Protein backbone atom coordinates (compact mmCIF):
# COMPACT_ATOMS: atom_id res chain seq x y z
CA UNK A 1 0.00 0.00 0.00
CA UNK A 2 1.51 3.26 -1.16
CA UNK A 3 1.28 5.95 1.54
CA UNK A 4 -0.47 9.21 0.76
CA UNK A 5 1.90 10.94 3.18
CA UNK A 6 5.28 10.00 4.61
CA UNK A 7 8.33 11.61 6.12
CA UNK A 8 10.08 12.36 9.39
CA UNK A 9 8.84 14.13 12.50
CA UNK A 10 11.12 15.60 15.16
CA UNK A 11 9.66 14.67 18.53
CA UNK A 12 12.35 16.12 20.77
CA UNK A 13 15.47 14.84 22.53
CA UNK A 14 17.20 14.66 19.15
CA UNK A 15 14.83 11.92 17.89
CA UNK A 16 13.22 11.93 14.43
CA UNK A 17 10.51 9.36 13.75
CA UNK A 18 9.79 7.95 10.31
CA UNK A 19 6.08 7.70 9.54
CA UNK A 20 3.65 6.74 6.78
CA UNK A 21 -0.07 7.41 6.50
CA UNK A 22 -2.08 4.99 4.41
CA UNK A 23 -5.68 4.41 3.38
CA UNK A 24 -8.80 6.54 3.27
CA UNK A 25 -7.97 10.11 4.31
CA UNK A 26 -11.52 10.43 5.65
CA UNK A 27 -11.60 6.96 7.12
CA UNK A 28 -11.60 5.76 10.71
CA UNK A 29 -8.26 6.77 12.27
CA UNK A 30 -6.00 3.95 13.44
CA UNK A 31 -2.44 3.66 14.73
CA UNK A 32 -0.10 0.69 14.23
CA UNK A 33 2.37 0.01 17.04
CA UNK A 34 5.15 -2.36 16.04
CA UNK A 35 6.85 -4.92 18.23
CA UNK A 36 10.31 -5.34 19.61
CA UNK A 37 10.99 -2.77 20.87
CA UNK A 38 13.23 -2.02 17.93
CA UNK A 39 11.85 -3.83 14.89
CA UNK A 40 10.20 -0.93 13.11
CA UNK A 41 7.28 -1.55 10.75
CA UNK A 42 7.59 -3.24 7.37
CA UNK A 43 5.39 -3.37 4.28
CA UNK A 44 3.83 -6.72 5.10
CA UNK A 45 2.31 -5.32 8.29
CA UNK A 46 -0.11 -3.37 6.11
CA UNK A 47 -1.82 -6.63 5.10
CA UNK A 48 -3.87 -6.52 8.30
CA UNK A 49 -5.80 -3.38 7.42
CA UNK A 50 -8.82 -2.51 5.26
CA UNK A 51 -7.58 0.72 3.75
CA UNK A 52 -10.96 1.51 2.19
CA UNK A 53 -12.34 2.03 5.68
CA UNK A 54 -9.30 2.98 7.72
CA UNK A 55 -6.82 5.83 7.81
CA UNK A 56 -3.75 4.23 9.37
CA UNK A 57 -0.68 5.88 10.85
CA UNK A 58 2.43 3.70 10.83
CA UNK A 59 5.65 4.87 12.46
CA UNK A 60 9.01 3.56 13.59
CA UNK A 61 9.48 4.13 17.31
CA UNK A 62 12.56 5.83 18.76
CA UNK A 63 15.76 4.23 17.54
CA UNK A 64 13.91 1.66 15.41
CA UNK A 65 13.72 1.05 11.68
CA UNK A 66 14.21 4.25 9.74
CA UNK A 67 13.93 6.59 12.73
CA UNK A 68 17.05 8.42 13.83
CA UNK A 69 19.41 8.21 15.60
CA UNK A 70 19.46 4.50 14.88
CA UNK A 71 19.47 2.05 17.78
CA UNK A 72 19.96 4.68 20.45
CA UNK A 73 18.84 4.04 24.03
CA UNK A 74 19.25 7.66 25.09
CA UNK A 75 15.94 9.29 26.00
CA UNK A 76 14.24 6.07 24.98
CA UNK A 77 11.74 4.65 27.48
CA UNK A 78 8.12 3.58 27.42
CA UNK A 79 7.10 7.00 28.68
CA UNK A 80 8.98 8.75 25.90
CA UNK A 81 7.08 6.57 23.40
CA UNK A 82 3.75 7.34 25.08
CA UNK A 83 4.47 11.04 24.64
CA UNK A 84 5.48 10.45 21.02
CA UNK A 85 2.10 8.86 20.21
CA UNK A 86 0.28 11.91 21.57
CA UNK A 87 2.67 14.18 19.69
CA UNK A 88 1.87 12.42 16.41
CA UNK A 89 -1.88 12.41 17.03
CA UNK A 90 -1.74 16.13 17.72
CA UNK A 91 0.41 16.81 14.67
CA UNK A 92 -2.01 15.02 12.37
CA UNK A 93 -5.06 16.42 14.13
CA UNK A 94 -6.38 13.05 15.23
CA UNK A 95 -8.49 13.46 18.38
CA UNK A 96 -8.94 9.70 18.88
CA UNK A 97 -7.82 6.53 17.16
CA UNK A 98 -8.19 2.77 17.23
CA UNK A 99 -4.84 1.45 18.45
CA UNK A 100 -3.40 -1.82 17.15
CA UNK A 101 -0.38 -3.32 18.87
CA UNK A 102 1.28 -6.72 18.69
CA UNK A 103 3.80 -8.23 21.11
CA UNK A 104 5.74 -5.26 22.57
CA UNK A 105 3.22 -3.18 20.63
CA UNK A 106 0.46 -4.64 22.82
CA UNK A 107 2.37 -3.51 25.91
CA UNK A 108 2.79 -0.01 24.56
CA UNK A 109 -0.86 0.15 23.40
CA UNK A 110 -2.08 -0.86 26.86
CA UNK A 111 0.17 1.61 28.67
CA UNK A 112 -0.93 4.36 26.28
CA UNK A 113 -4.62 3.59 26.77
CA UNK A 114 -4.19 3.60 30.56
CA UNK A 115 -2.25 6.88 30.48
CA UNK A 116 -4.22 8.68 27.75
CA UNK A 117 -7.73 7.17 27.67
CA UNK A 118 -9.25 10.21 25.97
CA UNK A 119 -7.18 9.53 22.83
CA UNK A 120 -8.12 5.85 22.42
CA UNK A 121 -11.31 4.74 20.65
CA UNK A 122 -10.62 1.00 20.79
CA UNK A 123 -7.84 -1.57 21.12
CA UNK A 124 -6.84 -4.56 19.01
CA UNK A 125 -4.04 -6.48 20.71
CA UNK A 126 -2.00 -9.48 19.59
CA UNK A 127 0.59 -11.62 21.38
CA UNK A 128 0.16 -10.09 24.81
CA UNK A 129 3.23 -9.13 26.83
CA UNK A 130 2.36 -7.68 30.25
CA UNK A 131 5.92 -6.66 31.13
CA UNK A 132 6.22 -8.55 34.37
CA UNK A 133 8.93 -10.67 35.96
CA UNK A 134 7.23 -13.98 35.11
CA UNK A 135 7.06 -13.21 31.39
CA UNK A 136 10.65 -12.00 31.24
CA UNK A 137 11.90 -14.99 33.22
CA UNK A 138 10.09 -17.39 30.90
CA UNK A 139 11.49 -15.84 27.73
CA UNK A 140 15.01 -14.96 28.84
CA UNK A 141 15.85 -17.21 31.75
CA UNK A 142 15.15 -20.70 30.43
CA UNK A 143 11.40 -21.21 30.18
CA UNK A 144 11.50 -21.50 26.40
CA UNK A 145 13.87 -24.47 26.74
CA UNK A 146 10.93 -26.73 27.60
CA UNK A 147 9.49 -26.17 24.11
CA UNK A 148 12.46 -25.19 21.91
CA UNK A 149 15.59 -26.56 23.60
CA UNK A 150 17.73 -26.17 20.49
CA UNK A 151 16.87 -22.46 20.17
CA UNK A 152 17.55 -21.85 23.85
CA UNK A 153 20.87 -23.71 23.86
CA UNK A 154 22.16 -21.73 20.89
CA UNK A 155 21.07 -18.48 22.55
CA UNK A 156 22.65 -19.20 25.91
CA UNK A 157 25.85 -20.71 24.49
CA UNK A 158 27.45 -17.26 24.21
CA UNK A 159 26.91 -16.53 27.90
CA UNK A 160 29.63 -17.60 30.35
CA UNK A 161 28.30 -19.93 33.03
CA UNK A 162 29.04 -17.39 35.75
CA UNK A 163 26.65 -14.94 34.03
CA UNK A 164 23.77 -17.31 33.36
CA UNK A 165 21.71 -16.12 36.28
CA UNK A 166 21.15 -12.97 34.23
CA UNK A 167 21.27 -13.94 30.57
CA UNK A 168 19.39 -10.84 29.40
CA UNK A 169 21.66 -8.49 31.36
CA UNK A 170 24.77 -10.05 29.87
CA UNK A 171 23.37 -9.78 26.35
CA UNK A 172 22.37 -6.17 26.97
CA UNK A 173 25.93 -5.26 27.88
CA UNK A 174 27.37 -7.08 24.87
CA UNK A 175 24.81 -5.55 22.51
CA UNK A 176 25.99 -2.15 23.70
CA UNK A 177 29.68 -3.00 23.25
CA UNK A 178 31.92 -0.44 21.57
CA UNK A 179 33.53 -3.29 19.68
CA UNK A 180 31.57 -3.54 16.44
CA UNK A 181 32.21 -7.25 15.89
CA UNK A 182 31.14 -8.12 19.44
CA UNK A 183 28.08 -5.93 19.21
CA UNK A 184 26.92 -7.40 15.90
CA UNK A 185 27.57 -10.97 17.05
CA UNK A 186 25.41 -10.64 20.15
CA UNK A 187 22.75 -8.57 18.41
CA UNK A 188 22.51 -11.23 15.72
CA UNK A 189 22.10 -14.08 18.20
CA UNK A 190 19.55 -12.19 20.31
CA UNK A 191 17.40 -11.52 17.26
CA UNK A 192 17.91 -14.95 15.75
CA UNK A 193 16.65 -16.53 18.96
CA UNK A 194 13.40 -14.59 18.61
CA UNK A 195 13.01 -15.25 14.91
CA UNK A 196 13.60 -18.98 15.36
CA UNK A 197 10.54 -19.36 17.63
CA UNK A 198 8.26 -16.66 16.22
CA UNK A 199 5.89 -18.97 14.31
CA UNK A 200 4.55 -22.51 14.24
CA UNK A 201 6.73 -23.34 11.26
CA UNK A 202 10.09 -21.60 10.88
CA UNK A 203 12.83 -23.15 8.76
CA UNK A 204 16.40 -21.93 8.34
CA UNK A 205 15.61 -20.16 5.07
CA UNK A 206 12.79 -18.20 6.66
CA UNK A 207 14.96 -17.25 9.63
CA UNK A 208 17.60 -15.86 7.27
CA UNK A 209 14.91 -13.89 5.41
CA UNK A 210 13.55 -12.36 8.60
CA UNK A 211 17.02 -11.43 9.80
CA UNK A 212 17.43 -9.40 6.61
CA UNK A 213 13.90 -8.03 6.64
CA UNK A 214 14.17 -6.53 10.12
CA UNK A 215 17.05 -4.61 11.64
CA UNK A 216 18.50 -7.17 14.00
CA UNK A 217 20.79 -4.62 15.62
CA UNK A 218 18.12 -2.15 16.68
CA UNK A 219 15.86 -5.02 17.78
CA UNK A 220 18.51 -6.51 20.05
CA UNK A 221 19.81 -3.23 21.44
CA UNK A 222 16.38 -1.80 22.26
CA UNK A 223 14.67 -5.01 23.32
CA UNK A 224 17.43 -5.83 25.79
CA UNK A 225 17.44 -2.19 26.97
CA UNK A 226 13.72 -2.35 27.72
CA UNK A 227 13.20 -5.88 28.99
CA UNK A 228 16.02 -5.76 31.53
CA UNK A 229 14.39 -2.68 33.03
CA UNK A 230 10.84 -4.03 33.18
CA UNK A 231 10.01 -1.73 30.27
CA UNK A 232 10.39 1.21 32.67
CA UNK A 233 7.07 0.35 34.32
CA UNK A 234 6.17 -0.08 38.00
CA UNK A 235 5.68 -3.74 39.02
CA UNK A 236 2.55 -5.29 37.47
CA UNK A 237 1.49 -1.86 36.16
CA UNK A 238 -0.70 -3.11 33.34
CA UNK A 239 -2.79 -5.64 35.27
CA UNK A 240 -3.21 -3.23 38.17
CA UNK A 241 -4.71 -0.66 35.80
CA UNK A 242 -6.32 -2.74 33.05
CA UNK A 243 -9.83 -2.56 34.53
CA UNK A 244 -9.85 1.13 33.56
CA UNK A 245 -10.15 0.00 29.91
CA UNK A 246 -13.47 -1.80 30.41
CA UNK A 247 -15.40 1.02 28.74
CA UNK A 248 -13.57 0.42 25.43
CA UNK A 249 -14.07 -2.17 22.70
CA UNK A 250 -11.02 -4.41 23.22
CA UNK A 251 -9.99 -7.42 21.15
CA UNK A 252 -7.25 -9.80 22.27
CA UNK A 253 -5.81 -12.30 19.76
CA UNK A 254 -3.18 -14.78 20.91
CA UNK A 255 -1.61 -17.82 19.29
CA UNK A 256 -2.30 -20.95 21.32
CA UNK A 257 1.28 -22.09 20.66
CA UNK A 258 3.03 -18.75 21.07
CA UNK A 259 6.54 -19.51 22.42
CA UNK A 260 7.53 -15.88 22.94
CA UNK A 261 4.57 -14.41 24.83
CA UNK A 262 2.69 -16.78 27.10
CA UNK A 263 -1.03 -17.40 26.48
CA UNK A 264 -1.65 -17.04 30.23
CA UNK A 265 -0.92 -13.33 29.91
CA UNK A 266 -3.70 -12.89 27.34
CA UNK A 267 -6.04 -14.72 29.71
CA UNK A 268 -5.04 -12.60 32.70
CA UNK A 269 -5.59 -9.41 30.71
CA UNK A 270 -8.99 -10.59 29.46
CA UNK A 271 -10.06 -11.27 33.04
CA UNK A 272 -9.26 -7.69 34.01
CA UNK A 273 -10.97 -5.89 31.10
CA UNK A 274 -14.71 -6.36 31.35
CA UNK A 275 -16.31 -6.90 27.95
CA UNK A 276 -13.04 -7.66 26.15
CA UNK A 277 -13.06 -10.44 23.57
CA UNK A 278 -10.29 -13.03 23.75
CA UNK A 279 -9.48 -15.32 20.83
CA UNK A 280 -6.96 -18.14 21.15
CA UNK A 281 -6.15 -19.31 17.65
CA UNK A 282 -4.05 -22.11 16.19
CA UNK A 283 -0.80 -20.28 15.65
CA UNK A 284 2.40 -19.03 17.19
CA UNK A 285 3.50 -15.48 17.84
CA UNK A 286 3.63 -13.96 14.36
CA UNK A 287 0.82 -11.67 13.22
CA UNK A 288 0.72 -13.00 9.67
CA UNK A 289 0.28 -16.68 10.44
CA UNK A 290 -3.01 -17.61 8.70
CA UNK A 291 -5.28 -18.09 11.73
CA UNK A 292 -3.80 -15.12 13.58
CA UNK A 293 -4.11 -12.84 10.56
CA UNK A 294 -7.73 -13.86 9.85
CA UNK A 295 -8.80 -13.10 13.40
CA UNK A 296 -6.92 -9.80 13.54
CA UNK A 297 -8.55 -8.61 10.32
CA UNK A 298 -11.98 -9.60 11.65
CA UNK A 299 -11.44 -7.88 14.98
CA UNK A 300 -9.99 -4.75 13.42
CA UNK A 301 -13.21 -4.45 11.42
CA UNK A 302 -15.39 -5.05 14.48
CA UNK A 303 -13.51 -2.75 16.84
CA UNK A 304 -13.37 0.05 14.27
CA UNK A 305 -17.16 -0.20 13.93
CA UNK A 306 -17.71 -0.16 17.69
CA UNK A 307 -15.01 2.41 18.42
CA UNK A 308 -15.91 5.14 20.94
CA UNK A 309 -15.32 8.40 19.12
């Protein structure tokens, strides 16, 4: 989908965000929040949206994708990103929007809706990550090994045994190394670990394709920066505040066999948001797996119709 508007927006702190606006200029406003943090958005993400009905804002978050400066962690926290969303909505004169977020994007969408409820008309969430100790421990301290031992063993092999009580912290330091070869090596393995378990079926060829499609350096640098700091949120922030979203149309789509974000987190969120709709589908973590994509498209249509403008 060719954008009708694109460019860069300076949001402060030296950051410039790349954005694209696609679809019906007079359509229902929507915002796409990518995962990671650090992946940026890519063309295939647009396949989820009905551009005849929707007017969608895509943007690369701080340090991600085409935004500049690339891969920087300076002035880059969840709260900076929350402010950036409001900045963009104000710039494009969007009073309210339907917010879509997947994986880390679901975390950011939830935090934004809790912090700025007046700007959110509805939520469509995929691959829920609640940013709590249990989720981080599962993903980065050995829980994945029960389901994908080969992926975990390759990931942890670079970590000295004395540092294995904090695998994510060790990777974060190496991903920030001033030595370019060291930095790229650890960034590559961090991102490859994620790509190798992102879907129900992932072969070596597809992993190589994804590593080229996304910026593995910004993904590793920013994801490790965020996840080792609990995404800069107070403990259990989302679940403690999720009930505030019960007046919104909220859709939750989660792959039954998601190895990155645990299905239990989607269930816990659903229990807190009265009236939310939860769909477990036969799929993994990736948004464009057939069953996940079908349900997301359906729920984007429903939520945009029921949105509270």
